[in-house]
Amino acid sequence: ARLASVAQHAHADVRESILALHTAPATDWVFLPTLRRYVEEFETQYGVTTKLTVDGVSDDSFPPHAGIQLLRVIQEAMTNARRHGLAHTISVAFERHGDEARITVADDGQGFDPLTLGADGDGHLGLGFMRERMAQIDGSVTIDSSPGAGTQVHLTAPLIGGQEDAQ
């Protein structure tokens, strides 16, 4: 039984890696269509209901390097929701607030007590990588969760051009 469980987890890890590579940014990639495709493929691959809402930002709202980092952080948050949170539903929502975007990745999973994690993620490499990626684009990541109540990963990222880009 233990061997079967380990094999199932390894198989899921390989599938997630393939999905992430499939959505790997190319030289001519565009952030929001790539994210939309990833969210749709995630739902198809894992049977987790997904929803993407974009309000007030567009493909040219972020510098290209920021879009790549945001994509990777959102992928990690969704993977964690499925793998660790056992979520059935994941939503990704973008909102413009002045000269920054606020992105929330929320799930209905089992949640956890964030106080059990150290400031650096306490050995949880994915959380550490998420923080590093957001710092590279002058953004931030915070996590709200509690046992039995799901998890919300909140990201902030600067936008190009500030308020005048808002539509």
Protein backbone atom coordinates (compact mmCIF):
# COMPACT_ATOMS: atom_id res chain seq x y z
CA ALA A 1 0.00 0.00 0.00
CA ARG A 2 2.86 2.39 0.82
CA LEU A 3 4.58 1.63 -2.48
CA ALA A 4 1.34 2.26 -4.38
CA SER A 5 0.89 5.58 -2.59
CA VAL A 6 4.46 6.67 -3.37
CA ALA A 7 4.00 5.66 -7.03
CA GLN A 8 0.76 7.66 -7.25
CA HIS A 9 2.43 10.76 -5.82
CA ALA A 10 5.40 10.38 -8.17
CA HIS A 11 3.03 10.01 -11.13
CA ALA A 12 1.16 13.17 -10.09
CA ASP A 13 4.47 15.05 -9.75
CA VAL A 14 5.53 14.01 -13.25
CA ARG A 15 2.16 15.08 -14.69
CA GLU A 16 2.43 18.48 -12.98
CA SER A 17 5.95 18.94 -14.33
CA ILE A 18 4.81 18.10 -17.85
CA LEU A 19 1.88 20.52 -17.57
CA ALA A 20 4.20 23.28 -16.32
CA LEU A 21 6.64 22.62 -19.17
CA HIS A 22 3.79 22.62 -21.66
CA THR A 23 2.95 26.16 -20.59
CA ALA A 24 6.59 27.21 -20.52
CA PRO A 25 7.02 30.74 -21.81
CA ALA A 26 8.40 31.05 -25.32
CA THR A 27 9.94 34.18 -26.77
CA ASP A 28 6.57 35.25 -28.21
CA TRP A 29 4.35 34.23 -25.31
CA VAL A 30 1.62 36.44 -23.88
CA PHE A 31 0.85 36.27 -20.16
CA LEU A 32 -2.95 36.14 -19.85
CA PRO A 33 -3.62 33.69 -22.71
CA THR A 34 -0.88 31.43 -21.34
CA LEU A 35 -2.41 31.61 -17.86
CA ARG A 36 -5.91 30.93 -19.24
CA ARG A 37 -4.62 27.85 -21.06
CA TYR A 38 -2.83 26.62 -17.94
CA VAL A 39 -5.95 27.04 -15.76
CA GLU A 40 -8.08 25.16 -18.33
CA GLU A 41 -5.54 22.35 -18.68
CA PHE A 42 -5.21 22.09 -14.90
CA GLU A 43 -8.95 21.53 -14.62
CA THR A 44 -8.89 18.91 -17.38
CA GLN A 45 -5.85 17.09 -15.96
CA TYR A 46 -6.92 16.95 -12.32
CA GLY A 47 -10.70 17.33 -12.26
CA VAL A 48 -10.39 20.38 -10.01
CA THR A 49 -12.94 23.05 -10.90
CA THR A 50 -11.07 26.24 -11.82
CA LYS A 51 -12.10 29.83 -12.43
CA LEU A 52 -10.05 32.76 -13.73
CA THR A 53 -11.31 36.34 -13.29
CA VAL A 54 -9.38 39.29 -14.68
CA ASP A 55 -10.53 42.81 -13.81
CA GLY A 56 -8.62 45.95 -14.76
CA VAL A 57 -5.43 44.37 -16.09
CA SER A 58 -4.40 43.34 -19.58
CA ASP A 59 -1.52 41.58 -21.28
CA ASP A 60 0.51 44.77 -21.44
CA SER A 61 -0.07 45.67 -17.78
CA PHE A 62 2.98 43.69 -16.64
CA PRO A 63 6.58 43.73 -17.81
CA PRO A 64 7.41 40.41 -19.55
CA HIS A 65 9.69 39.22 -16.75
CA ALA A 66 6.93 39.89 -14.21
CA GLY A 67 4.41 37.83 -16.18
CA ILE A 68 6.74 34.85 -16.16
CA GLN A 69 7.25 35.07 -12.40
CA LEU A 70 3.52 35.51 -11.77
CA LEU A 71 2.73 32.49 -13.93
CA ARG A 72 5.16 30.31 -11.96
CA VAL A 73 3.84 31.51 -8.59
CA ILE A 74 0.23 30.90 -9.61
CA GLN A 75 1.17 27.44 -10.89
CA GLU A 76 2.81 26.64 -7.54
CA ALA A 77 -0.20 27.92 -5.58
CA MET A 78 -2.59 25.82 -7.67
CA THR A 79 -0.40 22.74 -7.33
CA ASN A 80 -0.23 23.20 -3.55
CA ALA A 81 -4.02 23.59 -3.37
CA ARG A 82 -4.51 20.32 -5.22
CA ARG A 83 -1.69 18.32 -3.68
CA HIS A 84 -1.65 19.47 -0.06
CA GLY A 85 -5.06 21.09 0.34
CA LEU A 86 -7.01 18.43 -1.57
CA ALA A 87 -9.05 21.25 -3.09
CA HIS A 88 -12.05 20.63 -5.33
CA THR A 89 -12.29 24.24 -6.54
CA ILE A 90 -9.58 26.84 -7.19
CA SER A 91 -10.16 30.42 -8.28
CA VAL A 92 -7.59 32.89 -9.57
CA ALA A 93 -8.72 36.52 -9.48
CA PHE A 94 -6.93 39.65 -10.69
CA GLU A 95 -7.95 43.14 -9.56
CA ARG A 96 -6.30 46.46 -10.27
CA HIS A 97 -5.66 48.74 -7.27
CA GLY A 98 -3.91 51.92 -8.37
CA ASP A 99 -0.50 51.06 -9.67
CA GLU A 100 -0.54 47.43 -8.57
CA ALA A 101 -2.35 44.23 -9.34
CA ARG A 102 -3.74 42.12 -6.55
CA ILE A 103 -4.04 38.47 -7.42
CA THR A 104 -5.76 35.95 -5.18
CA VAL A 105 -5.51 32.20 -5.62
CA ALA A 106 -8.23 30.75 -3.39
CA ASP A 107 -9.23 27.16 -2.80
CA ASP A 108 -11.81 25.16 -0.87
CA GLY A 109 -9.26 22.66 0.41
CA GLN A 110 -8.52 21.49 3.91
CA GLY A 111 -6.40 24.53 4.77
CA PHE A 112 -3.68 24.62 7.39
CA ASP A 113 -2.40 26.73 10.26
CA PRO A 114 0.06 29.27 8.76
CA LEU A 115 1.65 29.70 12.20
CA THR A 116 3.07 26.20 11.83
CA LEU A 117 5.30 27.51 9.02
CA GLY A 118 8.41 29.53 9.74
CA ALA A 119 9.01 32.88 8.07
CA ASP A 120 10.97 31.17 5.30
CA GLY A 121 8.37 28.47 4.70
CA ASP A 122 10.06 26.17 7.23
CA GLY A 123 11.32 23.64 4.73
CA HIS A 124 8.45 24.10 2.30
CA LEU A 125 10.42 24.83 -0.85
CA GLY A 126 7.42 25.89 -2.92
CA LEU A 127 6.53 28.69 -0.52
CA GLY A 128 10.13 29.90 -0.45
CA PHE A 129 10.29 29.91 -4.24
CA MET A 130 7.01 31.83 -4.42
CA ARG A 131 8.39 34.51 -2.11
CA GLU A 132 11.66 34.73 -4.05
CA ARG A 133 9.87 35.07 -7.40
CA MET A 134 7.58 37.81 -6.09
CA ALA A 135 10.54 39.68 -4.56
CA GLN A 136 12.26 39.61 -7.97
CA ILE A 137 9.43 41.70 -9.43
CA ASP A 138 9.03 43.96 -6.38
CA GLY A 139 5.85 42.13 -5.43
CA SER A 140 4.75 40.25 -2.35
CA VAL A 141 2.96 37.11 -1.27
CA THR A 142 0.89 36.48 1.84
CA ILE A 143 -1.11 33.43 2.81
CA ASP A 144 -4.38 33.25 4.71
CA SER A 145 -5.53 29.83 5.80
CA SER A 146 -6.98 27.89 8.66
CA PRO A 147 -7.67 24.18 9.10
CA GLY A 148 -10.89 23.20 7.37
CA ALA A 149 -11.37 26.59 5.71
CA GLY A 150 -9.24 26.50 2.56
CA THR A 151 -6.34 28.74 1.64
CA GLN A 152 -5.97 32.12 -0.04
CA VAL A 153 -2.64 33.11 -1.55
CA HIS A 154 -2.53 36.89 -2.03
CA LEU A 155 -0.04 38.34 -4.49
CA THR A 156 0.70 41.98 -5.26
CA ALA A 157 2.65 43.02 -8.33
CA PRO A 158 3.47 46.45 -9.76
CA LEU A 159 1.86 47.44 -13.03
CA ILE A 160 3.38 49.29 -15.96
CA GLY A 161 2.28 52.91 -16.24
CA GLY A 162 0.14 53.11 -13.10
CA GLN A 163 -3.42 54.45 -13.20
CA GLU A 164 -3.50 55.63 -16.81
CA ASP A 165 -3.55 51.99 -18.01
CA ALA A 166 -6.83 51.24 -16.24
CA GLN A 167 -9.69 50.52 -18.60
